Amino acid sequence: MDITEEAKQELRRIIGKYDLGKDKRFRLATPPVWEGEGDFGIVIDVERERDQVIEHEGVELLRLDPETAEHLSKSKMDFKESRFTLDVY
């Protein structure tokens, strides 16, 4: 998955606002884990053994389960007009 610089910076800003503790992480999720509007969202979840980790400058931004990571391998995540977007190719 490709993540634009704008999305990386917004994720870092959001991460800086939360004290998640040792066992919580931000996860890019799809239904049924994601229960909000749209096809995906970012949730606070626990770390899982097979997670794919997306980092930027040594900071963990997101985790994805292996199935979601495979499905979104050719996607691009961006941050536009105060919301995240995900273009899947």
Protein backbone atom coordinates (compact mmCIF):
# COMPACT_ATOMS: atom_id res chain seq x y z
CA MET A 1 0.00 0.00 0.00
CA ASP A 2 1.21 3.47 -0.85
CA ILE A 3 0.55 6.26 1.65
CA THR A 4 0.93 9.89 0.61
CA GLU A 5 2.99 12.32 2.63
CA GLU A 6 -0.20 14.17 3.61
CA ALA A 7 -1.73 10.97 5.03
CA LYS A 8 1.49 10.09 6.89
CA GLN A 9 1.63 13.53 8.50
CA GLU A 10 -2.03 13.38 9.55
CA LEU A 11 -1.59 9.89 11.02
CA ARG A 12 1.44 11.13 13.00
CA ARG A 13 -0.61 14.08 14.25
CA ILE A 14 -3.44 11.80 15.36
CA ILE A 15 -1.07 9.32 17.00
CA GLY A 16 0.50 12.17 18.96
CA LYS A 17 -2.89 13.01 20.49
CA TYR A 18 -3.44 9.56 22.02
CA ASP A 19 -1.73 7.66 24.80
CA LEU A 20 -2.49 4.16 23.59
CA GLY A 21 -0.28 2.31 26.02
CA LYS A 22 1.86 -0.70 25.18
CA ASP A 23 -0.82 -3.03 23.86
CA LYS A 24 -2.93 -0.80 21.58
CA ARG A 25 -2.31 0.17 17.97
CA PHE A 26 -4.04 2.01 15.15
CA ARG A 27 -5.39 -0.40 12.55
CA LEU A 28 -6.72 0.18 9.06
CA ALA A 29 -9.80 -2.02 9.12
CA THR A 30 -12.59 -3.12 6.84
CA PRO A 31 -15.94 -4.65 7.84
CA PRO A 32 -16.70 -6.45 10.08
CA VAL A 33 -13.94 -4.92 12.27
CA TRP A 34 -14.78 -1.48 10.89
CA GLU A 35 -18.37 -0.68 11.82
CA GLY A 36 -18.54 2.95 10.70
CA GLU A 37 -19.59 4.54 7.45
CA GLY A 38 -17.77 3.65 4.27
CA ASP A 39 -15.65 0.71 3.27
CA PHE A 40 -12.76 1.26 5.69
CA GLY A 41 -11.72 3.12 8.78
CA ILE A 42 -9.02 3.47 11.39
CA VAL A 43 -9.69 1.77 14.72
CA ILE A 44 -7.78 1.32 17.95
CA ASP A 45 -7.04 -2.39 18.31
CA VAL A 46 -4.55 -4.83 19.77
CA GLU A 47 -1.35 -5.93 18.09
CA ARG A 48 -1.63 -9.26 16.27
CA GLU A 49 1.18 -11.63 15.43
CA ARG A 50 0.85 -11.61 11.63
CA ASP A 51 0.11 -7.89 11.23
CA GLN A 52 1.72 -5.88 8.48
CA VAL A 53 3.17 -2.72 10.02
CA ILE A 54 3.40 0.57 8.16
CA GLU A 55 6.00 2.94 9.60
CA HIS A 56 7.26 6.41 8.74
CA GLU A 57 10.53 7.80 10.09
CA GLY A 58 10.62 5.17 12.85
CA VAL A 59 7.03 5.77 13.98
CA GLU A 60 4.43 3.04 13.61
CA LEU A 61 1.47 4.51 11.76
CA LEU A 62 -0.87 1.62 11.03
CA ARG A 63 -1.30 -2.10 11.22
CA LEU A 64 -3.19 -4.26 8.77
CA ASP A 65 -4.17 -7.88 9.09
CA PRO A 66 -2.64 -10.08 6.36
CA GLU A 67 -5.87 -10.43 4.38
CA THR A 68 -6.54 -6.69 4.32
CA ALA A 69 -2.90 -5.99 3.44
CA GLU A 70 -3.10 -8.39 0.48
CA HIS A 71 -6.40 -6.96 -0.72
CA LEU A 72 -5.07 -3.38 -0.50
CA SER A 73 -1.55 -4.07 -1.79
CA LYS A 74 -2.12 -1.90 -4.88
CA SER A 75 -4.00 0.88 -3.13
CA LYS A 76 -3.15 4.47 -2.27
CA MET A 77 -4.14 6.13 0.99
CA ASP A 78 -4.35 9.92 1.02
CA PHE A 79 -5.63 12.69 3.30
CA LYS A 80 -7.74 15.28 1.48
CA GLU A 81 -10.18 17.89 2.69
CA SER A 82 -10.00 16.71 6.32
CA ARG A 83 -10.60 13.01 5.63
CA PHE A 84 -8.67 9.91 4.62
CA THR A 85 -9.28 8.43 1.20
CA LEU A 86 -8.33 5.04 -0.17
CA ASP A 87 -8.04 4.41 -3.89
CA VAL A 88 -7.94 0.70 -4.70
CA TYR A 89 -6.51 -0.39 -8.06
